[in-house]
Amino acid sequence: VFACMLVRMMLFSEARFQFRRLKDGRPGEL
């Protein structure tokens, strides 16, 4: 359980927050 949670935490924590522009309902630049 510890190993599975550790991998999930390490991978999940690598992302960063940005805003994503929407144009005609389609995703655009960050």
PDB file of all heavy atoms in Angstrom:
ATOM      1  N   VAL A   1       0.839  -1.201   0.000  1.00  0.00           N
ATOM      2  CA  VAL A   1       0.000   0.000   0.000  1.00  0.00           C
ATOM      3  C   VAL A   1       0.874   1.250   0.000  1.00  0.00           C
ATOM      4  O   VAL A   1       0.620   2.209  -0.745  1.00  0.00           O
ATOM      5  CB  VAL A   1      -0.945  -0.002   1.221  1.00  0.00           C
ATOM      6  CG1 VAL A   1      -1.674   1.332   1.337  1.00  0.00           C
ATOM      7  CG2 VAL A   1      -1.945  -1.139   1.112  1.00  0.00           C
ATOM      8  N   PHE A   2       1.900   1.248   0.828  1.00  0.00           N
ATOM      9  CA  PHE A   2       2.801   2.405   0.886  1.00  0.00           C
ATOM     10  C   PHE A   2       3.450   2.655  -0.469  1.00  0.00           C
ATOM     11  O   PHE A   2       3.544   3.794  -0.932  1.00  0.00           O
ATOM     12  CB  PHE A   2       3.865   2.178   1.954  1.00  0.00           C
ATOM     13  CG  PHE A   2       4.885   3.283   2.040  1.00  0.00           C
ATOM     14  CD1 PHE A   2       4.618   4.434   2.765  1.00  0.00           C
ATOM     15  CD2 PHE A   2       6.102   3.187   1.370  1.00  0.00           C
ATOM     16  CE1 PHE A   2       5.550   5.469   2.830  1.00  0.00           C
ATOM     17  CE2 PHE A   2       7.041   4.204   1.424  1.00  0.00           C
ATOM     18  CZ  PHE A   2       6.757   5.348   2.155  1.00  0.00           C
ATOM     19  N   ALA A   3       3.920   1.583  -1.139  1.00  0.00           N
ATOM     20  CA  ALA A   3       4.594   1.739  -2.428  1.00  0.00           C
ATOM     21  C   ALA A   3       3.645   2.286  -3.485  1.00  0.00           C
ATOM     22  O   ALA A   3       4.007   3.174  -4.260  1.00  0.00           O
ATOM     23  CB  ALA A   3       5.169   0.397  -2.873  1.00  0.00           C
ATOM     24  N   CYS A   4       2.416   1.768  -3.521  1.00  0.00           N
ATOM     25  CA  CYS A   4       1.435   2.240  -4.504  1.00  0.00           C
ATOM     26  C   CYS A   4       1.089   3.705  -4.258  1.00  0.00           C
ATOM     27  O   CYS A   4       1.021   4.512  -5.204  1.00  0.00           O
ATOM     28  CB  CYS A   4       0.170   1.388  -4.447  1.00  0.00           C
ATOM     29  SG  CYS A   4       0.378  -0.311  -5.041  1.00  0.00           S
ATOM     30  N   MET A   5       0.865   4.071  -3.011  1.00  0.00           N
ATOM     31  CA  MET A   5       0.543   5.455  -2.688  1.00  0.00           C
ATOM     32  C   MET A   5       1.728   6.373  -2.962  1.00  0.00           C
ATOM     33  O   MET A   5       1.547   7.521  -3.415  1.00  0.00           O
ATOM     34  CB  MET A   5       0.104   5.567  -1.225  1.00  0.00           C
ATOM     35  CG  MET A   5      -1.281   5.012  -0.948  1.00  0.00           C
ATOM     36  SD  MET A   5      -1.814   5.303   0.764  1.00  0.00           S
ATOM     37  CE  MET A   5      -1.679   7.083   0.878  1.00  0.00           C
ATOM     38  N   LEU A   6       2.935   5.897  -2.705  1.00  0.00           N
ATOM     39  CA  LEU A   6       4.119   6.723  -2.940  1.00  0.00           C
ATOM     40  C   LEU A   6       4.259   7.053  -4.426  1.00  0.00           C
ATOM     41  O   LEU A   6       4.528   8.206  -4.796  1.00  0.00           O
ATOM     42  CB  LEU A   6       5.365   5.997  -2.442  1.00  0.00           C
ATOM     43  CG  LEU A   6       6.680   6.769  -2.582  1.00  0.00           C
ATOM     44  CD1 LEU A   6       6.655   8.025  -1.727  1.00  0.00           C
ATOM     45  CD2 LEU A   6       7.870   5.880  -2.199  1.00  0.00           C
ATOM     46  N   VAL A   7       4.048   6.052  -5.287  1.00  0.00           N
ATOM     47  CA  VAL A   7       4.139   6.295  -6.730  1.00  0.00           C
ATOM     48  C   VAL A   7       3.057   7.268  -7.172  1.00  0.00           C
ATOM     49  O   VAL A   7       3.307   8.193  -7.959  1.00  0.00           O
ATOM     50  CB  VAL A   7       4.032   4.968  -7.500  1.00  0.00           C
ATOM     51  CG1 VAL A   7       3.879   5.221  -8.998  1.00  0.00           C
ATOM     52  CG2 VAL A   7       5.267   4.107  -7.246  1.00  0.00           C
ATOM     53  N   ARG A   8       1.833   7.076  -6.673  1.00  0.00           N
ATOM     54  CA  ARG A   8       0.743   7.986  -7.025  1.00  0.00           C
ATOM     55  C   ARG A   8       1.065   9.419  -6.599  1.00  0.00           C
ATOM     56  O   ARG A   8       0.861  10.377  -7.358  1.00  0.00           O
ATOM     57  CB  ARG A   8      -0.557   7.521  -6.359  1.00  0.00           C
ATOM     58  CG  ARG A   8      -1.209   6.320  -7.013  1.00  0.00           C
ATOM     59  CD  ARG A   8      -2.327   5.748  -6.150  1.00  0.00           C
ATOM     60  NE  ARG A   8      -3.388   6.715  -5.897  1.00  0.00           N
ATOM     61  CZ  ARG A   8      -4.465   6.865  -6.666  1.00  0.00           C
ATOM     62  NH1 ARG A   8      -4.621   6.131  -7.752  1.00  0.00           N
ATOM     63  NH2 ARG A   8      -5.406   7.739  -6.344  1.00  0.00           N
ATOM     64  N   MET A   9       1.578   9.589  -5.382  1.00  0.00           N
ATOM     65  CA  MET A   9       1.903  10.924  -4.888  1.00  0.00           C
ATOM     66  C   MET A   9       3.029  11.565  -5.690  1.00  0.00           C
ATOM     67  O   MET A   9       2.954  12.737  -6.050  1.00  0.00           O
ATOM     68  CB  MET A   9       2.279  10.863  -3.402  1.00  0.00           C
ATOM     69  CG  MET A   9       1.112  10.641  -2.475  1.00  0.00           C
ATOM     70  SD  MET A   9       1.573  10.815  -0.728  1.00  0.00           S
ATOM     71  CE  MET A   9       2.691   9.431  -0.516  1.00  0.00           C
ATOM     72  N   MET A  10       4.087  10.791  -5.976  1.00  0.00           N
ATOM     73  CA  MET A  10       5.239  11.349  -6.671  1.00  0.00           C
ATOM     74  C   MET A  10       4.877  11.784  -8.089  1.00  0.00           C
ATOM     75  O   MET A  10       5.313  12.843  -8.557  1.00  0.00           O
ATOM     76  CB  MET A  10       6.372  10.326  -6.709  1.00  0.00           C
ATOM     77  CG  MET A  10       6.977   9.978  -5.352  1.00  0.00           C
ATOM     78  SD  MET A  10       7.697  11.407  -4.477  1.00  0.00           S
ATOM     79  CE  MET A  10       6.365  11.826  -3.334  1.00  0.00           C
ATOM     80  N   LEU A  11       4.083  10.986  -8.795  1.00  0.00           N
ATOM     81  CA  LEU A  11       3.695  11.337 -10.165  1.00  0.00           C
ATOM     82  C   LEU A  11       2.683  12.472 -10.178  1.00  0.00           C
ATOM     83  O   LEU A  11       2.787  13.411 -10.975  1.00  0.00           O
ATOM     84  CB  LEU A  11       3.120  10.106 -10.873  1.00  0.00           C
ATOM     85  CG  LEU A  11       4.097   8.947 -11.101  1.00  0.00           C
ATOM     86  CD1 LEU A  11       3.378   7.779 -11.767  1.00  0.00           C
ATOM     87  CD2 LEU A  11       5.283   9.387 -11.937  1.00  0.00           C
ATOM     88  N   PHE A  12       1.704  12.406  -9.298  1.00  0.00           N
ATOM     89  CA  PHE A  12       0.649  13.420  -9.246  1.00  0.00           C
ATOM     90  C   PHE A  12       1.220  14.788  -8.901  1.00  0.00           C
ATOM     91  O   PHE A  12       0.774  15.821  -9.427  1.00  0.00           O
ATOM     92  CB  PHE A  12      -0.393  12.997  -8.216  1.00  0.00           C
ATOM     93  CG  PHE A  12      -1.588  13.897  -8.121  1.00  0.00           C
ATOM     94  CD1 PHE A  12      -2.601  13.840  -9.055  1.00  0.00           C
ATOM     95  CD2 PHE A  12      -1.709  14.816  -7.081  1.00  0.00           C
ATOM     96  CE1 PHE A  12      -3.707  14.673  -8.975  1.00  0.00           C
ATOM     97  CE2 PHE A  12      -2.808  15.649  -6.984  1.00  0.00           C
ATOM     98  CZ  PHE A  12      -3.811  15.571  -7.937  1.00  0.00           C
ATOM     99  N   SER A  13       2.227  14.819  -8.027  1.00  0.00           N
ATOM    100  CA  SER A  13       2.774  16.101  -7.542  1.00  0.00           C
ATOM    101  C   SER A  13       3.659  16.801  -8.559  1.00  0.00           C
ATOM    102  O   SER A  13       4.089  17.933  -8.328  1.00  0.00           O
ATOM    103  CB  SER A  13       3.560  15.880  -6.249  1.00  0.00           C
ATOM    104  OG  SER A  13       4.699  15.065  -6.479  1.00  0.00           O
ATOM    105  N   GLU A  14       3.952  16.157  -9.700  1.00  0.00           N
ATOM    106  CA  GLU A  14       4.825  16.759 -10.697  1.00  0.00           C
ATOM    107  C   GLU A  14       4.107  17.801 -11.561  1.00  0.00           C
ATOM    108  O   GLU A  14       4.760  18.603 -12.231  1.00  0.00           O
ATOM    109  CB  GLU A  14       5.400  15.666 -11.613  1.00  0.00           C
ATOM    110  CG  GLU A  14       6.498  14.840 -10.976  1.00  0.00           C
ATOM    111  CD  GLU A  14       7.736  15.684 -10.690  1.00  0.00           C
ATOM    112  OE1 GLU A  14       8.412  16.095 -11.639  1.00  0.00           O
ATOM    113  OE2 GLU A  14       7.992  15.952  -9.491  1.00  0.00           O
ATOM    114  N   ALA A  15       2.794  17.798 -11.573  1.00  0.00           N
ATOM    115  CA  ALA A  15       2.043  18.741 -12.403  1.00  0.00           C
ATOM    116  C   ALA A  15       2.085  20.143 -11.794  1.00  0.00           C
ATOM    117  O   ALA A  15       2.366  20.324 -10.600  1.00  0.00           O
ATOM    118  CB  ALA A  15       0.598  18.278 -12.557  1.00  0.00           C
ATOM    119  N   ARG A  16       1.826  21.147 -12.633  1.00  0.00           N
ATOM    120  CA  ARG A  16       1.713  22.529 -12.183  1.00  0.00           C
ATOM    121  C   ARG A  16       0.384  23.099 -12.652  1.00  0.00           C
ATOM    122  O   ARG A  16      -0.251  22.581 -13.560  1.00  0.00           O
ATOM    123  CB  ARG A  16       2.863  23.378 -12.751  1.00  0.00           C
ATOM    124  CG  ARG A  16       4.224  22.977 -12.233  1.00  0.00           C
ATOM    125  CD  ARG A  16       5.323  23.905 -12.733  1.00  0.00           C
ATOM    126  NE  ARG A  16       5.461  23.842 -14.185  1.00  0.00           N
ATOM    127  CZ  ARG A  16       5.253  24.864 -14.994  1.00  0.00           C
ATOM    128  NH1 ARG A  16       4.855  26.040 -14.501  1.00  0.00           N
ATOM    129  NH2 ARG A  16       5.420  24.750 -16.290  1.00  0.00           N
ATOM    130  N   PHE A  17      -0.045  24.164 -12.002  1.00  0.00           N
ATOM    131  CA  PHE A  17      -1.302  24.823 -12.368  1.00  0.00           C
ATOM    132  C   PHE A  17      -1.047  25.898 -13.418  1.00  0.00           C
ATOM    133  O   PHE A  17      -0.044  26.611 -13.369  1.00  0.00           O
ATOM    134  CB  PHE A  17      -1.958  25.457 -11.140  1.00  0.00           C
ATOM    135  CG  PHE A  17      -2.583  24.477 -10.196  1.00  0.00           C
ATOM    136  CD1 PHE A  17      -1.893  24.037  -9.071  1.00  0.00           C
ATOM    137  CD2 PHE A  17      -3.863  23.997 -10.430  1.00  0.00           C
ATOM    138  CE1 PHE A  17      -2.462  23.146  -8.190  1.00  0.00           C
ATOM    139  CE2 PHE A  17      -4.442  23.090  -9.548  1.00  0.00           C
ATOM    140  CZ  PHE A  17      -3.743  22.665  -8.435  1.00  0.00           C
ATOM    141  N   GLN A  18      -1.965  25.999 -14.373  1.00  0.00           N
ATOM    142  CA  GLN A  18      -1.956  27.057 -15.370  1.00  0.00           C
ATOM    143  C   GLN A  18      -3.419  27.379 -15.714  1.00  0.00           C
ATOM    144  O   GLN A  18      -4.329  26.635 -15.343  1.00  0.00           O
ATOM    145  CB  GLN A  18      -1.228  26.614 -16.647  1.00  0.00           C
ATOM    146  CG  GLN A  18       0.290  26.508 -16.490  1.00  0.00           C
ATOM    147  CD  GLN A  18       0.990  27.840 -16.641  1.00  0.00           C
ATOM    148  OE1 GLN A  18       1.326  28.269 -17.731  1.00  0.00           O
ATOM    149  NE2 GLN A  18       1.206  28.520 -15.516  1.00  0.00           N
ATOM    150  N   PHE A  19      -3.623  28.475 -16.403  1.00  0.00           N
ATOM    151  CA  PHE A  19      -4.934  28.750 -16.983  1.00  0.00           C
ATOM    152  C   PHE A  19      -4.908  28.277 -18.432  1.00  0.00           C
ATOM    153  O   PHE A  19      -3.877  28.361 -19.111  1.00  0.00           O
ATOM    154  CB  PHE A  19      -5.258  30.242 -16.924  1.00  0.00           C
ATOM    155  CG  PHE A  19      -5.502  30.751 -15.535  1.00  0.00           C
ATOM    156  CD1 PHE A  19      -4.688  31.740 -14.981  1.00  0.00           C
ATOM    157  CD2 PHE A  19      -6.528  30.240 -14.757  1.00  0.00           C
ATOM    158  CE1 PHE A  19      -4.897  32.208 -13.705  1.00  0.00           C
ATOM    159  CE2 PHE A  19      -6.743  30.697 -13.469  1.00  0.00           C
ATOM    160  CZ  PHE A  19      -5.930  31.681 -12.940  1.00  0.00           C
ATOM    161  N   ARG A  20      -6.043  27.773 -18.898  1.00  0.00           N
ATOM    162  CA  ARG A  20      -6.147  27.331 -20.285  1.00  0.00           C
ATOM    163  C   ARG A  20      -7.194  28.171 -21.003  1.00  0.00           C
ATOM    164  O   ARG A  20      -8.347  28.232 -20.572  1.00  0.00           O
ATOM    165  CB  ARG A  20      -6.522  25.844 -20.363  1.00  0.00           C
ATOM    166  CG  ARG A  20      -6.524  25.296 -21.770  1.00  0.00           C
ATOM    167  CD  ARG A  20      -6.676  23.796 -21.789  1.00  0.00           C
ATOM    168  NE  ARG A  20      -8.011  23.355 -21.403  1.00  0.00           N
ATOM    169  CZ  ARG A  20      -8.452  22.100 -21.513  1.00  0.00           C
ATOM    170  NH1 ARG A  20      -7.642  21.155 -21.967  1.00  0.00           N
ATOM    171  NH2 ARG A  20      -9.678  21.774 -21.146  1.00  0.00           N
ATOM    172  N   ARG A  21      -6.775  28.797 -22.085  1.00  0.00           N
ATOM    173  CA  ARG A  21      -7.683  29.653 -22.845  1.00  0.00           C
ATOM    174  C   ARG A  21      -8.651  28.795 -23.656  1.00  0.00           C
ATOM    175  O   ARG A  21      -8.265  27.758 -24.208  1.00  0.00           O
ATOM    176  CB  ARG A  21      -6.886  30.576 -23.771  1.00  0.00           C
ATOM    177  CG  ARG A  21      -7.641  31.832 -24.173  1.00  0.00           C
ATOM    178  CD  ARG A  21      -6.763  32.734 -25.033  1.00  0.00           C
ATOM    179  NE  ARG A  21      -5.496  33.078 -24.404  1.00  0.00           N
ATOM    180  CZ  ARG A  21      -5.370  34.018 -23.473  1.00  0.00           C
ATOM    181  NH1 ARG A  21      -6.434  34.686 -23.054  1.00  0.00           N
ATOM    182  NH2 ARG A  21      -4.185  34.284 -22.951  1.00  0.00           N
ATOM    183  N   LEU A  22      -9.903  29.227 -23.712  1.00  0.00           N
ATOM    184  CA  LEU A  22     -10.932  28.534 -24.480  1.00  0.00           C
ATOM    185  C   LEU A  22     -11.342  29.397 -25.662  1.00  0.00           C
ATOM    186  O   LEU A  22     -11.655  30.578 -25.498  1.00  0.00           O
ATOM    187  CB  LEU A  22     -12.152  28.220 -23.609  1.00  0.00           C
ATOM    188  CG  LEU A  22     -11.905  27.309 -22.404  1.00  0.00           C
ATOM    189  CD1 LEU A  22     -13.161  27.184 -21.564  1.00  0.00           C
ATOM    190  CD2 LEU A  22     -11.429  25.936 -22.852  1.00  0.00           C
ATOM    191  N   LYS A  23     -11.337  28.815 -26.852  1.00  0.00           N
ATOM    192  CA  LYS A  23     -11.697  29.531 -28.062  1.00  0.00           C
ATOM    193  C   LYS A  23     -12.731  28.715 -28.822  1.00  0.00           C
ATOM    194  O   LYS A  23     -12.448  27.603 -29.261  1.00  0.00           O
ATOM    195  CB  LYS A  23     -10.462  29.768 -28.939  1.00  0.00           C
ATOM    196  CG  LYS A  23     -10.747  30.567 -30.196  1.00  0.00           C
ATOM    197  CD  LYS A  23      -9.470  30.783 -30.999  1.00  0.00           C
ATOM    198  CE  LYS A  23      -9.739  31.583 -32.258  1.00  0.00           C
ATOM    199  NZ  LYS A  23      -8.498  31.772 -33.058  1.00  0.00           N
ATOM    200  N   ASP A  24     -13.938  29.262 -28.939  1.00  0.00           N
ATOM    201  CA  ASP A  24     -15.044  28.560 -29.582  1.00  0.00           C
ATOM    202  C   ASP A  24     -15.286  27.194 -28.940  1.00  0.00           C
ATOM    203  O   ASP A  24     -15.595  26.208 -29.615  1.00  0.00           O
ATOM    204  CB  ASP A  24     -14.767  28.376 -31.082  1.00  0.00           C
ATOM    205  CG  ASP A  24     -14.651  29.706 -31.813  1.00  0.00           C
ATOM    206  OD1 ASP A  24     -15.315  30.670 -31.383  1.00  0.00           O
ATOM    207  OD2 ASP A  24     -13.891  29.774 -32.806  1.00  0.00           O
ATOM    208  N   GLY A  25     -15.136  27.148 -27.614  1.00  0.00           N
ATOM    209  CA  GLY A  25     -15.364  25.902 -26.895  1.00  0.00           C
ATOM    210  C   GLY A  25     -14.226  24.914 -26.966  1.00  0.00           C
ATOM    211  O   GLY A  25     -14.309  23.829 -26.370  1.00  0.00           O
ATOM    212  N   ARG A  26     -13.162  25.236 -27.661  1.00  0.00           N
ATOM    213  CA  ARG A  26     -12.011  24.355 -27.804  1.00  0.00           C
ATOM    214  C   ARG A  26     -10.856  24.851 -26.946  1.00  0.00           C
ATOM    215  O   ARG A  26     -10.646  26.057 -26.810  1.00  0.00           O
ATOM    216  CB  ARG A  26     -11.558  24.294 -29.269  1.00  0.00           C
ATOM    217  CG  ARG A  26     -12.571  23.677 -30.215  1.00  0.00           C
ATOM    218  CD  ARG A  26     -12.599  22.175 -30.080  1.00  0.00           C
ATOM    219  NE  ARG A  26     -11.296  21.590 -30.368  1.00  0.00           N
ATOM    220  CZ  ARG A  26     -10.993  20.300 -30.189  1.00  0.00           C
ATOM    221  NH1 ARG A  26     -11.900  19.485 -29.686  1.00  0.00           N
ATOM    222  NH2 ARG A  26      -9.800  19.848 -30.485  1.00  0.00           N
ATOM    223  N   PRO A  27     -10.078  23.924 -26.341  1.00  0.00           N
ATOM    224  CA  PRO A  27      -8.948  24.341 -25.504  1.00  0.00           C
ATOM    225  C   PRO A  27      -7.844  24.965 -26.325  1.00  0.00           C
ATOM    226  O   PRO A  27      -7.572  24.544 -27.459  1.00  0.00           O
ATOM    227  CB  PRO A  27      -8.488  23.027 -24.852  1.00  0.00           C
ATOM    228  CG  PRO A  27      -8.969  21.958 -25.768  1.00  0.00           C
ATOM    229  CD  PRO A  27     -10.251  22.458 -26.352  1.00  0.00           C
ATOM    230  N   GLY A  28      -7.211  25.992 -25.762  1.00  0.00           N
ATOM    231  CA  GLY A  28      -6.130  26.687 -26.443  1.00  0.00           C
ATOM    232  C   GLY A  28      -4.866  26.699 -25.630  1.00  0.00           C
ATOM    233  O   GLY A  28      -4.556  25.738 -24.912  1.00  0.00           O
ATOM    234  N   GLU A  29      -4.152  27.804 -25.675  1.00  0.00           N
ATOM    235  CA  GLU A  29      -2.842  27.913 -25.040  1.00  0.00           C
ATOM    236  C   GLU A  29      -2.950  27.969 -23.519  1.00  0.00           C
ATOM    237  O   GLU A  29      -3.963  28.363 -22.949  1.00  0.00           O
ATOM    238  CB  GLU A  29      -2.135  29.167 -25.542  1.00  0.00           C
ATOM    239  CG  GLU A  29      -2.870  30.452 -25.165  1.00  0.00           C
ATOM    240  CD  GLU A  29      -2.097  31.691 -25.563  1.00  0.00           C
ATOM    241  OE1 GLU A  29      -0.884  31.583 -25.756  1.00  0.00           O
ATOM    242  OE2 GLU A  29      -2.715  32.763 -25.665  1.00  0.00           O
ATOM    243  N   LEU A  30      -1.861  27.554 -22.858  1.00  0.00           N
ATOM    244  CA  LEU A  30      -1.740  27.656 -21.406  1.00  0.00           C
ATOM    245  C   LEU A  30      -0.999  28.948 -21.064  1.00  0.00           C
ATOM    246  O   LEU A  30      -0.052  29.335 -21.745  1.00  0.00           O
ATOM    247  CB  LEU A  30      -0.978  26.458 -20.847  1.00  0.00           C
ATOM    248  CG  LEU A  30      -1.611  25.076 -21.036  1.00  0.00           C
ATOM    249  CD1 LEU A  30      -0.665  23.991 -20.535  1.00  0.00           C
ATOM    250  CD2 LEU A  30      -2.950  24.979 -20.319  1.00  0.00           C
TER     251      LEU A  30
END
